[in-house]
Amino acid sequence: MGTCHCTRCRKLGANVMVFIHRDSLTWRQGRDNIALYQPEAPYKYARCFCKTCGTSLGEILSNEDSFPISAQTLDTDLDIRNRFHEFVSEKPLWYEICDTAEQFEGHPEMS
């Protein structure tokens, strides 16, 4: 789990993300109800959202082996905690980071 503070993620309302492996995702229904927004440069990450309610879903249609989905979309509590904050240089002044997770000016180099 990580929190992105870039202006784009904040505006999408999807800045707390859980990274999942594509092999662990099982579609039961609703895949055809997801829309994909492909941004213009300099942004490169496509974002998905529900066509019915507009909920931001992160990159749930990604073809990558691992990708972020919006933590707010999960109905059950997670047994994990925030691991990092990225793009803290774009964080608004009114927001205070109140955990001890590692902070990065841009994308972290995760292993």
N, C-alpha and C. Protein backbone atom coordinates (compact mmCIF):
# COMPACT_ATOMS: atom_id res chain seq x y z
N MET A 1 0.85 -1.17 0.00
CA MET A 1 0.00 0.00 0.00
C MET A 1 0.89 1.23 0.00
N GLY A 2 0.51 2.20 -0.80
CA GLY A 2 1.25 3.44 -0.86
C GLY A 2 0.32 4.60 -1.12
N THR A 3 0.78 5.79 -0.81
CA THR A 3 -0.01 7.00 -1.04
C THR A 3 0.73 7.90 -2.00
N CYS A 4 0.03 8.27 -3.08
CA CYS A 4 0.61 9.19 -4.05
C CYS A 4 0.04 10.58 -3.80
N HIS A 5 0.92 11.56 -3.74
CA HIS A 5 0.51 12.94 -3.47
C HIS A 5 0.58 13.80 -4.71
N CYS A 6 0.76 13.18 -5.91
CA CYS A 6 0.82 13.99 -7.12
C CYS A 6 -0.54 14.61 -7.38
N THR A 7 -0.55 15.72 -8.10
CA THR A 7 -1.80 16.45 -8.33
C THR A 7 -2.81 15.59 -9.09
N ARG A 8 -2.36 14.76 -9.99
CA ARG A 8 -3.29 13.93 -10.76
C ARG A 8 -4.01 12.90 -9.88
N CYS A 9 -3.27 12.16 -9.07
CA CYS A 9 -3.89 11.16 -8.20
C CYS A 9 -4.83 11.81 -7.19
N ARG A 10 -4.43 12.95 -6.64
CA ARG A 10 -5.29 13.63 -5.69
C ARG A 10 -6.61 14.04 -6.33
N LYS A 11 -6.56 14.54 -7.55
CA LYS A 11 -7.78 14.98 -8.23
C LYS A 11 -8.67 13.81 -8.61
N LEU A 12 -8.08 12.65 -8.82
CA LEU A 12 -8.87 11.46 -9.15
C LEU A 12 -9.52 10.86 -7.92
N GLY A 13 -9.08 11.27 -6.74
CA GLY A 13 -9.62 10.70 -5.51
C GLY A 13 -9.15 9.27 -5.30
N ALA A 14 -8.00 8.95 -5.83
CA ALA A 14 -7.49 7.58 -5.75
C ALA A 14 -6.02 7.57 -5.36
N ASN A 15 -5.67 8.35 -4.37
CA ASN A 15 -4.25 8.45 -4.07
C ASN A 15 -3.73 7.39 -3.10
N VAL A 16 -4.59 6.63 -2.43
CA VAL A 16 -4.13 5.51 -1.60
C VAL A 16 -4.34 4.25 -2.43
N MET A 17 -3.23 3.59 -2.73
CA MET A 17 -3.26 2.46 -3.65
C MET A 17 -2.74 1.19 -3.01
N VAL A 18 -3.32 0.09 -3.43
CA VAL A 18 -2.84 -1.23 -3.04
C VAL A 18 -2.31 -1.88 -4.30
N PHE A 19 -1.11 -2.40 -4.23
CA PHE A 19 -0.52 -3.03 -5.41
C PHE A 19 -0.82 -4.52 -5.38
N ILE A 20 -1.36 -5.01 -6.49
CA ILE A 20 -1.73 -6.42 -6.57
C ILE A 20 -1.04 -7.07 -7.76
N HIS A 21 -0.92 -8.38 -7.71
CA HIS A 21 -0.39 -9.15 -8.84
C HIS A 21 -1.57 -9.55 -9.72
N ARG A 22 -1.39 -9.40 -11.03
CA ARG A 22 -2.45 -9.71 -11.98
C ARG A 22 -3.00 -11.11 -11.77
N ASP A 23 -2.13 -12.08 -11.46
CA ASP A 23 -2.56 -13.46 -11.26
C ASP A 23 -3.47 -13.64 -10.05
N SER A 24 -3.46 -12.69 -9.13
CA SER A 24 -4.30 -12.82 -7.94
C SER A 24 -5.67 -12.18 -8.11
N LEU A 25 -5.90 -11.54 -9.25
CA LEU A 25 -7.18 -10.89 -9.51
C LEU A 25 -8.10 -11.84 -10.26
N THR A 26 -9.26 -12.09 -9.71
CA THR A 26 -10.27 -12.93 -10.36
C THR A 26 -11.50 -12.08 -10.62
N TRP A 27 -11.87 -11.95 -11.87
CA TRP A 27 -13.07 -11.21 -12.24
C TRP A 27 -14.28 -12.11 -12.08
N ARG A 28 -15.24 -11.66 -11.31
CA ARG A 28 -16.49 -12.41 -11.14
C ARG A 28 -17.59 -11.78 -11.98
N GLN A 29 -17.61 -10.47 -12.02
CA GLN A 29 -18.57 -9.74 -12.85
C GLN A 29 -18.14 -8.28 -12.92
N GLY A 30 -18.72 -7.56 -13.85
CA GLY A 30 -18.51 -6.12 -13.91
C GLY A 30 -17.36 -5.62 -14.75
N ARG A 31 -16.53 -6.52 -15.29
CA ARG A 31 -15.37 -6.05 -16.06
C ARG A 31 -15.80 -5.20 -17.25
N ASP A 32 -16.92 -5.54 -17.86
CA ASP A 32 -17.41 -4.78 -19.01
C ASP A 32 -17.98 -3.42 -18.62
N ASN A 33 -18.07 -3.15 -17.34
CA ASN A 33 -18.60 -1.88 -16.85
C ASN A 33 -17.48 -0.92 -16.44
N ILE A 34 -16.26 -1.24 -16.82
CA ILE A 34 -15.11 -0.40 -16.46
C ILE A 34 -14.65 0.38 -17.69
N ALA A 35 -14.50 1.67 -17.51
CA ALA A 35 -14.00 2.54 -18.58
C ALA A 35 -12.54 2.85 -18.32
N LEU A 36 -11.82 3.12 -19.40
CA LEU A 36 -10.39 3.41 -19.32
C LEU A 36 -10.15 4.82 -19.83
N TYR A 37 -9.45 5.60 -19.03
CA TYR A 37 -9.07 6.95 -19.43
C TYR A 37 -7.57 6.96 -19.72
N GLN A 38 -7.22 7.26 -20.96
CA GLN A 38 -5.81 7.33 -21.37
C GLN A 38 -5.40 8.80 -21.40
N PRO A 39 -4.50 9.23 -20.51
CA PRO A 39 -4.14 10.64 -20.45
C PRO A 39 -3.18 11.05 -21.56
N GLU A 40 -3.10 12.35 -21.76
CA GLU A 40 -2.12 12.90 -22.69
C GLU A 40 -0.80 13.09 -21.96
N ALA A 41 0.28 13.15 -22.73
CA ALA A 41 1.61 13.39 -22.17
C ALA A 41 1.60 14.69 -21.38
N PRO A 42 2.31 14.81 -20.30
CA PRO A 42 3.40 13.94 -19.87
C PRO A 42 2.95 12.74 -19.04
N TYR A 43 1.65 12.62 -18.78
CA TYR A 43 1.17 11.50 -17.97
C TYR A 43 1.17 10.23 -18.81
N LYS A 44 1.49 9.10 -18.18
CA LYS A 44 1.55 7.86 -18.95
C LYS A 44 0.66 6.75 -18.41
N TYR A 45 0.18 6.86 -17.19
CA TYR A 45 -0.61 5.79 -16.59
C TYR A 45 -2.10 5.98 -16.87
N ALA A 46 -2.69 4.98 -17.54
CA ALA A 46 -4.12 5.01 -17.80
C ALA A 46 -4.86 4.74 -16.49
N ARG A 47 -6.00 5.33 -16.34
CA ARG A 47 -6.80 5.15 -15.12
C ARG A 47 -8.15 4.55 -15.49
N CYS A 48 -8.66 3.73 -14.61
CA CYS A 48 -9.94 3.06 -14.82
C CYS A 48 -10.97 3.61 -13.85
N PHE A 49 -12.23 3.58 -14.28
CA PHE A 49 -13.30 3.99 -13.39
C PHE A 49 -14.58 3.24 -13.76
N CYS A 50 -15.49 3.15 -12.82
CA CYS A 50 -16.77 2.48 -13.01
C CYS A 50 -17.68 3.37 -13.86
N LYS A 51 -18.26 2.81 -14.92
CA LYS A 51 -19.17 3.56 -15.79
C LYS A 51 -20.48 3.91 -15.08
N THR A 52 -20.85 3.15 -14.05
CA THR A 52 -22.11 3.38 -13.35
C THR A 52 -22.01 4.47 -12.30
N CYS A 53 -21.03 4.35 -11.40
CA CYS A 53 -20.96 5.28 -10.27
C CYS A 53 -19.77 6.24 -10.33
N GLY A 54 -18.84 6.01 -11.24
CA GLY A 54 -17.69 6.91 -11.37
C GLY A 54 -16.55 6.62 -10.42
N THR A 55 -16.64 5.55 -9.63
CA THR A 55 -15.58 5.23 -8.68
C THR A 55 -14.26 5.04 -9.40
N SER A 56 -13.22 5.69 -8.90
CA SER A 56 -11.88 5.54 -9.45
C SER A 56 -11.30 4.21 -9.01
N LEU A 57 -10.82 3.42 -9.98
CA LEU A 57 -10.36 2.06 -9.70
C LEU A 57 -8.86 1.88 -9.86
N GLY A 58 -8.13 2.92 -10.13
CA GLY A 58 -6.69 2.77 -10.34
C GLY A 58 -6.40 2.20 -11.70
N GLU A 59 -5.52 1.23 -11.77
CA GLU A 59 -5.10 0.66 -13.06
C GLU A 59 -5.54 -0.80 -13.18
N ILE A 60 -6.76 -1.09 -12.79
CA ILE A 60 -7.25 -2.46 -12.68
C ILE A 60 -7.28 -3.22 -14.01
N LEU A 61 -7.25 -2.54 -15.14
CA LEU A 61 -7.22 -3.21 -16.44
C LEU A 61 -5.80 -3.32 -17.00
N SER A 62 -4.82 -3.02 -16.18
CA SER A 62 -3.42 -3.06 -16.63
C SER A 62 -3.01 -4.45 -17.08
N ASN A 63 -2.10 -4.50 -18.05
CA ASN A 63 -1.52 -5.76 -18.51
C ASN A 63 -0.20 -6.07 -17.81
N GLU A 64 0.22 -5.19 -16.92
CA GLU A 64 1.46 -5.40 -16.17
C GLU A 64 1.28 -6.56 -15.18
N ASP A 65 2.38 -7.13 -14.73
CA ASP A 65 2.31 -8.22 -13.75
C ASP A 65 1.80 -7.73 -12.40
N SER A 66 2.11 -6.48 -12.06
CA SER A 66 1.68 -5.89 -10.80
C SER A 66 1.21 -4.47 -11.10
N PHE A 67 0.14 -4.04 -10.44
CA PHE A 67 -0.41 -2.72 -10.71
C PHE A 67 -1.20 -2.23 -9.50
N PRO A 68 -1.41 -0.90 -9.42
CA PRO A 68 -2.16 -0.35 -8.29
C PRO A 68 -3.66 -0.30 -8.55
N ILE A 69 -4.41 -0.60 -7.50
CA ILE A 69 -5.85 -0.35 -7.52
C ILE A 69 -6.14 0.57 -6.34
N SER A 70 -7.23 1.27 -6.43
CA SER A 70 -7.60 2.21 -5.39
C SER A 70 -8.03 1.48 -4.12
N ALA A 71 -7.36 1.75 -3.02
CA ALA A 71 -7.67 1.07 -1.75
C ALA A 71 -9.10 1.36 -1.29
N GLN A 72 -9.62 2.53 -1.65
CA GLN A 72 -10.97 2.91 -1.23
C GLN A 72 -12.05 2.03 -1.85
N THR A 73 -11.73 1.28 -2.89
CA THR A 73 -12.73 0.44 -3.57
C THR A 73 -12.95 -0.89 -2.87
N LEU A 74 -12.08 -1.25 -1.94
CA LEU A 74 -12.18 -2.55 -1.29
C LEU A 74 -13.20 -2.51 -0.15
N ASP A 75 -14.06 -3.51 -0.12
CA ASP A 75 -15.12 -3.56 0.89
C ASP A 75 -14.66 -4.10 2.23
N THR A 76 -13.59 -4.84 2.25
CA THR A 76 -13.11 -5.43 3.49
C THR A 76 -11.90 -4.67 4.02
N ASP A 77 -11.67 -4.78 5.31
CA ASP A 77 -10.52 -4.13 5.92
C ASP A 77 -9.25 -4.86 5.49
N LEU A 78 -8.18 -4.12 5.36
CA LEU A 78 -6.91 -4.71 4.95
C LEU A 78 -6.00 -4.89 6.15
N ASP A 79 -5.25 -5.97 6.13
CA ASP A 79 -4.30 -6.25 7.20
C ASP A 79 -2.92 -5.75 6.81
N ILE A 80 -2.86 -4.61 6.14
CA ILE A 80 -1.60 -4.00 5.74
C ILE A 80 -1.67 -2.53 6.09
N ARG A 81 -0.53 -1.89 6.09
CA ARG A 81 -0.46 -0.46 6.39
C ARG A 81 0.32 0.25 5.29
N ASN A 82 0.18 1.54 5.27
CA ASN A 82 0.87 2.35 4.27
C ASN A 82 2.38 2.11 4.35
N ARG A 83 2.99 1.85 3.19
CA ARG A 83 4.42 1.53 3.14
C ARG A 83 5.27 2.70 2.67
N PHE A 84 4.64 3.60 1.88
CA PHE A 84 5.40 4.74 1.36
C PHE A 84 4.47 5.88 0.95
N HIS A 85 5.06 7.04 0.79
CA HIS A 85 4.42 8.22 0.23
C HIS A 85 5.28 8.65 -0.95
N GLU A 86 4.65 8.82 -2.13
CA GLU A 86 5.42 9.28 -3.29
C GLU A 86 4.93 10.65 -3.74
N PHE A 87 5.79 11.35 -4.43
CA PHE A 87 5.53 12.71 -4.91
C PHE A 87 5.17 13.65 -3.76
N VAL A 88 5.89 13.51 -2.66
CA VAL A 88 5.64 14.40 -1.52
C VAL A 88 5.96 15.86 -1.87
N SER A 89 6.75 16.06 -2.91
CA SER A 89 7.05 17.43 -3.34
C SER A 89 5.81 18.13 -3.90
N GLU A 90 4.78 17.36 -4.29
CA GLU A 90 3.55 17.93 -4.82
C GLU A 90 2.41 17.94 -3.79
N LYS A 91 2.72 17.48 -2.59
CA LYS A 91 1.72 17.42 -1.52
C LYS A 91 1.27 18.84 -1.18
N PRO A 92 -0.04 19.06 -0.99
CA PRO A 92 -0.50 20.40 -0.61
C PRO A 92 -0.03 20.76 0.80
N LEU A 93 0.17 22.01 1.04
CA LEU A 93 0.66 22.48 2.33
C LEU A 93 -0.28 22.13 3.48
N TRP A 94 -1.59 22.06 3.20
CA TRP A 94 -2.57 21.80 4.24
C TRP A 94 -2.59 20.34 4.69
N TYR A 95 -1.96 19.44 3.92
CA TYR A 95 -1.98 18.03 4.27
C TYR A 95 -0.72 17.65 5.05
N GLU A 96 -0.91 17.04 6.20
CA GLU A 96 0.21 16.62 7.02
C GLU A 96 0.31 15.09 7.00
N ILE A 97 1.47 14.57 6.66
CA ILE A 97 1.69 13.12 6.68
C ILE A 97 1.89 12.72 8.13
N CYS A 98 1.03 11.82 8.60
CA CYS A 98 1.02 11.48 10.03
C CYS A 98 1.43 10.04 10.31
N ASP A 99 2.16 9.43 9.41
CA ASP A 99 2.66 8.08 9.70
C ASP A 99 4.17 8.07 9.47
N THR A 100 4.79 6.95 9.73
CA THR A 100 6.25 6.86 9.62
C THR A 100 6.69 6.17 8.33
N ALA A 101 5.76 6.01 7.37
CA ALA A 101 6.11 5.38 6.10
C ALA A 101 7.16 6.22 5.37
N GLU A 102 8.01 5.54 4.61
CA GLU A 102 9.08 6.21 3.88
C GLU A 102 8.49 7.21 2.88
N GLN A 103 9.18 8.33 2.69
CA GLN A 103 8.72 9.39 1.80
C GLN A 103 9.69 9.56 0.64
N PHE A 104 9.13 9.80 -0.56
CA PHE A 104 9.92 9.95 -1.77
C PHE A 104 9.45 11.20 -2.53
N GLU A 105 10.40 11.91 -3.13
CA GLU A 105 10.07 13.10 -3.93
C GLU A 105 9.32 12.72 -5.20
N GLY A 106 9.61 11.54 -5.77
CA GLY A 106 8.96 11.03 -6.98
C GLY A 106 8.56 9.59 -6.76
N HIS A 107 8.65 8.77 -7.82
CA HIS A 107 8.35 7.35 -7.68
C HIS A 107 9.45 6.64 -6.87
N PRO A 108 9.08 5.79 -5.93
CA PRO A 108 10.09 5.03 -5.20
C PRO A 108 10.61 3.90 -6.07
N GLU A 109 11.80 3.47 -5.79
CA GLU A 109 12.37 2.30 -6.47
C GLU A 109 12.12 1.12 -5.58
N MET A 110 11.01 0.40 -5.83
CA MET A 110 10.61 -0.74 -5.00
C MET A 110 11.23 -2.02 -5.54
N SER A 111 11.54 -2.89 -4.62
CA SER A 111 12.08 -4.19 -5.04
C SER A 111 11.03 -5.26 -4.91
